[in-house]
N, C-alpha and C. Protein backbone atom coordinates (compact mmCIF):
# COMPACT_ATOMS: atom_id res chain seq x y z
N MET A 1 7.54 23.24 1.16
CA MET A 1 7.59 21.78 1.16
C MET A 1 7.37 21.29 2.59
N ASN A 2 6.74 20.16 2.72
CA ASN A 2 6.49 19.53 4.01
C ASN A 2 7.83 19.09 4.62
N GLU A 3 8.14 19.61 5.79
CA GLU A 3 9.43 19.29 6.43
C GLU A 3 9.54 17.82 6.84
N ASN A 4 8.41 17.15 7.01
CA ASN A 4 8.43 15.75 7.44
C ASN A 4 8.43 14.77 6.27
N LEU A 5 8.23 15.27 5.06
CA LEU A 5 8.19 14.41 3.88
C LEU A 5 9.56 13.76 3.68
N PRO A 6 9.61 12.42 3.67
CA PRO A 6 10.91 11.77 3.48
C PRO A 6 11.41 11.93 2.05
N LEU A 7 12.65 12.30 1.91
CA LEU A 7 13.30 12.43 0.61
C LEU A 7 14.46 11.45 0.56
N TYR A 8 14.71 10.91 -0.61
CA TYR A 8 15.76 9.91 -0.75
C TYR A 8 16.74 10.36 -1.83
N ALA A 9 18.01 10.29 -1.54
CA ALA A 9 19.05 10.66 -2.49
C ALA A 9 20.01 9.48 -2.63
N PHE A 10 20.39 9.22 -3.86
CA PHE A 10 21.30 8.11 -4.15
C PHE A 10 22.59 8.66 -4.75
N ALA A 11 23.70 8.09 -4.34
CA ALA A 11 25.00 8.52 -4.85
C ALA A 11 25.93 7.32 -4.89
N ASN A 12 26.96 7.44 -5.70
CA ASN A 12 27.96 6.37 -5.67
C ASN A 12 29.12 6.82 -4.79
N THR A 13 30.08 5.97 -4.62
CA THR A 13 31.20 6.22 -3.71
C THR A 13 31.96 7.49 -4.06
N TYR A 14 32.04 7.81 -5.33
CA TYR A 14 32.88 8.91 -5.78
C TYR A 14 32.12 10.23 -5.94
N SER A 15 30.88 10.28 -5.52
CA SER A 15 30.08 11.50 -5.65
C SER A 15 30.45 12.50 -4.57
N THR A 16 30.37 13.76 -4.93
CA THR A 16 30.50 14.81 -3.93
C THR A 16 29.15 15.50 -3.82
N LEU A 17 28.82 15.92 -2.63
CA LEU A 17 27.52 16.54 -2.40
C LEU A 17 27.70 17.99 -1.99
N ASP A 18 26.88 18.84 -2.57
CA ASP A 18 26.86 20.25 -2.20
C ASP A 18 25.48 20.53 -1.62
N VAL A 19 25.38 20.42 -0.29
CA VAL A 19 24.09 20.56 0.39
C VAL A 19 24.12 21.83 1.22
N SER A 20 23.11 22.66 1.04
CA SER A 20 23.05 23.89 1.84
C SER A 20 22.45 23.59 3.21
N LEU A 21 22.64 24.49 4.15
CA LEU A 21 22.10 24.29 5.49
C LEU A 21 20.58 24.26 5.48
N ASN A 22 19.95 24.98 4.57
CA ASN A 22 18.49 24.96 4.48
C ASN A 22 17.99 23.57 4.10
N ASP A 23 18.72 22.87 3.26
CA ASP A 23 18.31 21.52 2.85
C ASP A 23 18.38 20.54 4.01
N LEU A 24 19.25 20.77 4.95
CA LEU A 24 19.42 19.84 6.06
C LEU A 24 18.23 19.83 7.02
N ARG A 25 17.36 20.83 6.93
CA ARG A 25 16.15 20.83 7.76
C ARG A 25 15.17 19.77 7.27
N LEU A 26 15.31 19.36 6.04
CA LEU A 26 14.42 18.35 5.48
C LEU A 26 14.87 16.97 5.94
N GLN A 27 13.97 16.04 5.84
CA GLN A 27 14.28 14.66 6.23
C GLN A 27 14.82 13.93 5.00
N ILE A 28 16.13 14.02 4.81
CA ILE A 28 16.76 13.42 3.64
C ILE A 28 17.53 12.18 4.07
N SER A 29 17.30 11.08 3.36
CA SER A 29 18.06 9.85 3.60
C SER A 29 18.98 9.64 2.41
N PHE A 30 20.27 9.55 2.67
CA PHE A 30 21.24 9.32 1.61
C PHE A 30 21.59 7.84 1.56
N PHE A 31 21.63 7.31 0.34
CA PHE A 31 21.99 5.90 0.15
C PHE A 31 23.13 5.83 -0.85
N GLU A 32 24.08 4.97 -0.57
CA GLU A 32 25.18 4.74 -1.50
C GLU A 32 24.84 3.51 -2.34
N TYR A 33 25.04 3.65 -3.64
CA TYR A 33 24.82 2.49 -4.50
C TYR A 33 25.79 1.38 -4.09
N ALA A 34 25.26 0.22 -3.85
CA ALA A 34 26.09 -0.94 -3.53
C ALA A 34 25.39 -2.17 -4.09
N LEU A 35 26.17 -3.09 -4.62
CA LEU A 35 25.59 -4.25 -5.28
C LEU A 35 24.66 -5.05 -4.39
N GLY A 36 25.08 -5.36 -3.18
CA GLY A 36 24.29 -6.23 -2.32
C GLY A 36 23.33 -5.51 -1.39
N ALA A 37 23.18 -4.20 -1.54
CA ALA A 37 22.39 -3.44 -0.57
C ALA A 37 20.98 -3.10 -1.04
N ALA A 38 20.58 -3.57 -2.20
CA ALA A 38 19.28 -3.17 -2.76
C ALA A 38 18.12 -3.51 -1.83
N GLU A 39 18.12 -4.71 -1.28
CA GLU A 39 17.02 -5.12 -0.40
C GLU A 39 16.99 -4.30 0.89
N ASP A 40 18.17 -4.05 1.46
CA ASP A 40 18.24 -3.23 2.67
C ASP A 40 17.75 -1.81 2.42
N ILE A 41 18.15 -1.25 1.28
CA ILE A 41 17.73 0.10 0.93
C ILE A 41 16.22 0.14 0.73
N ALA A 42 15.67 -0.85 0.02
CA ALA A 42 14.22 -0.90 -0.21
C ALA A 42 13.46 -1.02 1.11
N ASN A 43 13.96 -1.84 2.03
CA ASN A 43 13.31 -1.98 3.34
C ASN A 43 13.35 -0.67 4.13
N LYS A 44 14.47 0.03 4.09
CA LYS A 44 14.60 1.31 4.79
C LYS A 44 13.65 2.35 4.20
N ILE A 45 13.55 2.39 2.87
CA ILE A 45 12.65 3.34 2.21
C ILE A 45 11.21 3.02 2.58
N LYS A 46 10.84 1.74 2.56
CA LYS A 46 9.47 1.35 2.92
C LYS A 46 9.17 1.71 4.36
N GLN A 47 10.10 1.43 5.27
CA GLN A 47 9.90 1.73 6.69
C GLN A 47 9.71 3.23 6.91
N THR A 48 10.56 4.04 6.31
CA THR A 48 10.48 5.48 6.47
C THR A 48 9.20 6.04 5.87
N THR A 49 8.82 5.54 4.70
CA THR A 49 7.59 5.99 4.05
C THR A 49 6.37 5.58 4.86
N ASP A 50 6.35 4.35 5.37
CA ASP A 50 5.22 3.90 6.20
C ASP A 50 5.09 4.75 7.46
N GLU A 51 6.22 5.09 8.08
CA GLU A 51 6.19 5.94 9.28
C GLU A 51 5.61 7.31 8.94
N TYR A 52 6.00 7.86 7.79
CA TYR A 52 5.49 9.17 7.38
C TYR A 52 3.98 9.11 7.14
N ILE A 53 3.53 8.10 6.41
CA ILE A 53 2.10 7.96 6.13
C ILE A 53 1.33 7.77 7.43
N ASN A 54 1.85 6.96 8.32
CA ASN A 54 1.20 6.73 9.62
C ASN A 54 1.10 8.03 10.43
N THR A 55 2.08 8.91 10.27
CA THR A 55 2.09 10.17 11.00
C THR A 55 1.06 11.16 10.46
N ILE A 56 0.88 11.21 9.13
CA ILE A 56 0.02 12.24 8.55
C ILE A 56 -1.44 11.83 8.43
N LEU A 57 -1.73 10.53 8.50
CA LEU A 57 -3.11 10.09 8.30
C LEU A 57 -3.98 10.40 9.52
N PRO A 58 -5.20 10.89 9.27
CA PRO A 58 -6.15 11.04 10.38
C PRO A 58 -6.62 9.66 10.83
N PRO A 59 -7.14 9.54 12.05
CA PRO A 59 -7.51 8.24 12.61
C PRO A 59 -8.50 7.44 11.75
N LEU A 60 -9.52 8.09 11.20
CA LEU A 60 -10.51 7.36 10.40
C LEU A 60 -9.88 6.78 9.14
N THR A 61 -9.09 7.57 8.45
CA THR A 61 -8.43 7.10 7.23
C THR A 61 -7.47 5.96 7.55
N LYS A 62 -6.75 6.08 8.66
CA LYS A 62 -5.84 5.02 9.09
C LYS A 62 -6.61 3.72 9.34
N ALA A 63 -7.76 3.83 10.00
CA ALA A 63 -8.59 2.66 10.28
C ALA A 63 -9.14 2.06 8.99
N LEU A 64 -9.53 2.89 8.03
CA LEU A 64 -10.02 2.39 6.75
C LEU A 64 -8.92 1.65 5.99
N PHE A 65 -7.73 2.21 5.97
CA PHE A 65 -6.60 1.55 5.30
C PHE A 65 -6.33 0.19 5.94
N LYS A 66 -6.36 0.13 7.26
CA LYS A 66 -6.13 -1.13 7.97
C LYS A 66 -7.23 -2.14 7.63
N TYR A 67 -8.46 -1.68 7.60
CA TYR A 67 -9.61 -2.53 7.27
C TYR A 67 -9.44 -3.15 5.87
N VAL A 68 -9.05 -2.33 4.91
CA VAL A 68 -8.86 -2.81 3.54
C VAL A 68 -7.68 -3.78 3.47
N ARG A 69 -6.58 -3.46 4.16
CA ARG A 69 -5.39 -4.33 4.16
C ARG A 69 -5.71 -5.72 4.69
N GLU A 70 -6.57 -5.77 5.71
CA GLU A 70 -6.90 -7.05 6.33
C GLU A 70 -7.96 -7.82 5.55
N GLY A 71 -8.59 -7.18 4.57
CA GLY A 71 -9.58 -7.85 3.74
C GLY A 71 -10.83 -8.26 4.49
N LYS A 72 -11.19 -7.51 5.51
CA LYS A 72 -12.37 -7.85 6.30
C LYS A 72 -13.64 -7.33 5.63
N TYR A 73 -14.73 -7.94 5.97
CA TYR A 73 -16.05 -7.44 5.59
C TYR A 73 -17.04 -7.96 6.61
N THR A 74 -18.21 -7.39 6.62
CA THR A 74 -19.19 -7.75 7.64
C THR A 74 -20.15 -8.82 7.13
N PHE A 75 -20.58 -9.70 8.02
CA PHE A 75 -21.53 -10.75 7.65
C PHE A 75 -22.97 -10.24 7.65
N CYS A 76 -23.23 -9.03 8.11
CA CYS A 76 -24.61 -8.56 8.21
C CYS A 76 -25.18 -8.16 6.86
N THR A 77 -24.37 -8.04 5.82
CA THR A 77 -24.87 -7.74 4.48
C THR A 77 -24.27 -8.72 3.48
N PRO A 78 -24.68 -10.00 3.54
CA PRO A 78 -24.06 -11.02 2.70
C PRO A 78 -24.33 -10.83 1.21
N GLY A 79 -25.32 -10.04 0.84
CA GLY A 79 -25.57 -9.80 -0.58
C GLY A 79 -24.50 -8.94 -1.22
N HIS A 80 -23.78 -8.22 -0.40
CA HIS A 80 -22.69 -7.40 -0.92
C HIS A 80 -21.47 -8.29 -1.12
N MET A 81 -20.49 -7.78 -1.76
CA MET A 81 -19.24 -8.51 -2.02
C MET A 81 -19.48 -9.75 -2.87
N GLY A 82 -20.51 -9.73 -3.71
CA GLY A 82 -20.77 -10.85 -4.61
C GLY A 82 -21.24 -12.10 -3.90
N GLY A 83 -21.76 -11.98 -2.69
CA GLY A 83 -22.27 -13.13 -1.95
C GLY A 83 -21.21 -13.99 -1.32
N THR A 84 -19.98 -13.52 -1.25
CA THR A 84 -18.91 -14.35 -0.69
C THR A 84 -19.09 -14.63 0.79
N ALA A 85 -19.88 -13.82 1.47
CA ALA A 85 -20.09 -14.07 2.90
C ALA A 85 -20.81 -15.39 3.12
N PHE A 86 -21.67 -15.79 2.18
CA PHE A 86 -22.36 -17.07 2.31
C PHE A 86 -21.37 -18.23 2.27
N GLN A 87 -20.30 -18.09 1.52
CA GLN A 87 -19.31 -19.15 1.42
C GLN A 87 -18.54 -19.32 2.72
N LYS A 88 -18.48 -18.30 3.54
CA LYS A 88 -17.73 -18.36 4.79
C LYS A 88 -18.64 -18.41 6.01
N SER A 89 -19.94 -18.52 5.81
CA SER A 89 -20.85 -18.50 6.95
C SER A 89 -20.75 -19.80 7.73
N PRO A 90 -21.04 -19.77 9.04
CA PRO A 90 -20.91 -20.95 9.89
C PRO A 90 -21.86 -22.09 9.47
N GLY A 91 -22.94 -21.78 8.75
CA GLY A 91 -23.91 -22.80 8.36
C GLY A 91 -23.42 -23.69 7.23
N ARG A 92 -22.33 -23.38 6.62
CA ARG A 92 -21.84 -24.17 5.47
C ARG A 92 -20.74 -25.10 5.86
């Protein structure tokens, strides 16, 4: 298993954990179930997962993901993308 892969474990207040020393080499995040903590837990999981993805991606793939996230496209081929570049061109 990838040692850097983030793993998430959930437990309630009354749970007992039996974790071996080998398991502790992994990147495990433990979360306690709590009524008001769902958003905080989701944010922590997203942050940790994003950091992991950012670490393993090669530079070109990272740049492609960023390009897609930003919704950019080039004006040099306006026939592509269904002609939407014409709608945003400076001449209109």
